[in-house]
Amino acid sequence: MSDEKTLQEILSTLQKINCNMLKVFWIVTIFALLYFGLLIYLFVN
């Protein structure tokens, strides 16, 4: 019983970490796109 409870706690923690990593990934992606967009804009003009 305790093994199953421990496994559920570990899975819950991993899901929280996964969710946080996805949020960080999207934030970094948005800033990277803004950065490269600005870089291209400055090189074109």
C-alpha atoms as a PDB file:
ATOM      1  CA  MET A   1       0.000   0.000   0.000  1.00  0.00           C
ATOM      2  CA  SER A   2       2.701   2.505   0.953  1.00  0.00           C
ATOM      3  CA  ASP A   3       4.619   1.721  -2.248  1.00  0.00           C
ATOM      4  CA  GLU A   4       1.567   2.640  -4.290  1.00  0.00           C
ATOM      5  CA  LYS A   5       1.110   5.865  -2.315  1.00  0.00           C
ATOM      6  CA  THR A   6       4.781   6.766  -2.801  1.00  0.00           C
ATOM      7  CA  LEU A   7       4.496   6.064  -6.519  1.00  0.00           C
ATOM      8  CA  GLN A   8       1.449   8.339  -6.774  1.00  0.00           C
ATOM      9  CA  GLU A   9       3.336  11.135  -4.956  1.00  0.00           C
ATOM     10  CA  ILE A  10       6.308  10.753  -7.320  1.00  0.00           C
ATOM     11  CA  LEU A  11       4.021  10.829 -10.382  1.00  0.00           C
ATOM     12  CA  SER A  12       2.255  13.928  -9.037  1.00  0.00           C
ATOM     13  CA  THR A  13       5.591  15.687  -8.504  1.00  0.00           C
ATOM     14  CA  LEU A  14       6.767  14.738 -12.001  1.00  0.00           C
ATOM     15  CA  GLN A  15       3.561  16.107 -13.517  1.00  0.00           C
ATOM     16  CA  LYS A  16       4.083  19.433 -11.695  1.00  0.00           C
ATOM     17  CA  ILE A  17       7.687  19.588 -12.926  1.00  0.00           C
ATOM     18  CA  ASN A  18       6.565  18.756 -16.479  1.00  0.00           C
ATOM     19  CA  CYS A  19       3.943  21.506 -16.390  1.00  0.00           C
ATOM     20  CA  ASN A  20       6.488  24.042 -15.112  1.00  0.00           C
ATOM     21  CA  MET A  21       9.050  23.014 -17.728  1.00  0.00           C
ATOM     22  CA  LEU A  22       6.456  23.455 -20.482  1.00  0.00           C
ATOM     23  CA  LYS A  23       5.655  26.958 -19.218  1.00  0.00           C
ATOM     24  CA  VAL A  24       9.368  27.839 -19.175  1.00  0.00           C
ATOM     25  CA  PHE A  25       9.776  26.364 -22.673  1.00  0.00           C
ATOM     26  CA  TRP A  26       6.948  28.507 -24.079  1.00  0.00           C
ATOM     27  CA  ILE A  27       8.262  31.674 -22.398  1.00  0.00           C
ATOM     28  CA  VAL A  28      11.761  31.047 -23.791  1.00  0.00           C
ATOM     29  CA  THR A  29      10.281  30.307 -27.233  1.00  0.00           C
ATOM     30  CA  ILE A  30       8.340  33.586 -27.261  1.00  0.00           C
ATOM     31  CA  PHE A  31      11.415  35.609 -26.289  1.00  0.00           C
ATOM     32  CA  ALA A  32      13.566  33.777 -28.855  1.00  0.00           C
ATOM     33  CA  LEU A  33      11.049  34.554 -31.600  1.00  0.00           C
ATOM     34  CA  LEU A  34      10.931  38.208 -30.553  1.00  0.00           C
ATOM     35  CA  TYR A  35      14.731  38.356 -30.498  1.00  0.00           C
ATOM     36  CA  PHE A  36      15.178  36.785 -33.937  1.00  0.00           C
ATOM     37  CA  GLY A  37      12.347  38.874 -35.337  1.00  0.00           C
ATOM     38  CA  LEU A  38      14.086  42.024 -34.110  1.00  0.00           C
ATOM     39  CA  LEU A  39      17.427  40.789 -35.480  1.00  0.00           C
ATOM     40  CA  ILE A  40      15.925  40.154 -38.928  1.00  0.00           C
ATOM     41  CA  TYR A  41      14.127  43.499 -38.835  1.00  0.00           C
ATOM     42  CA  LEU A  42      17.370  45.349 -38.022  1.00  0.00           C
ATOM     43  CA  PHE A  43      19.329  43.516 -40.740  1.00  0.00           C
ATOM     44  CA  VAL A  44      16.669  44.194 -43.398  1.00  0.00           C
ATOM     45  CA  ASN A  45      16.453  47.922 -42.637  1.00  0.00           C
END
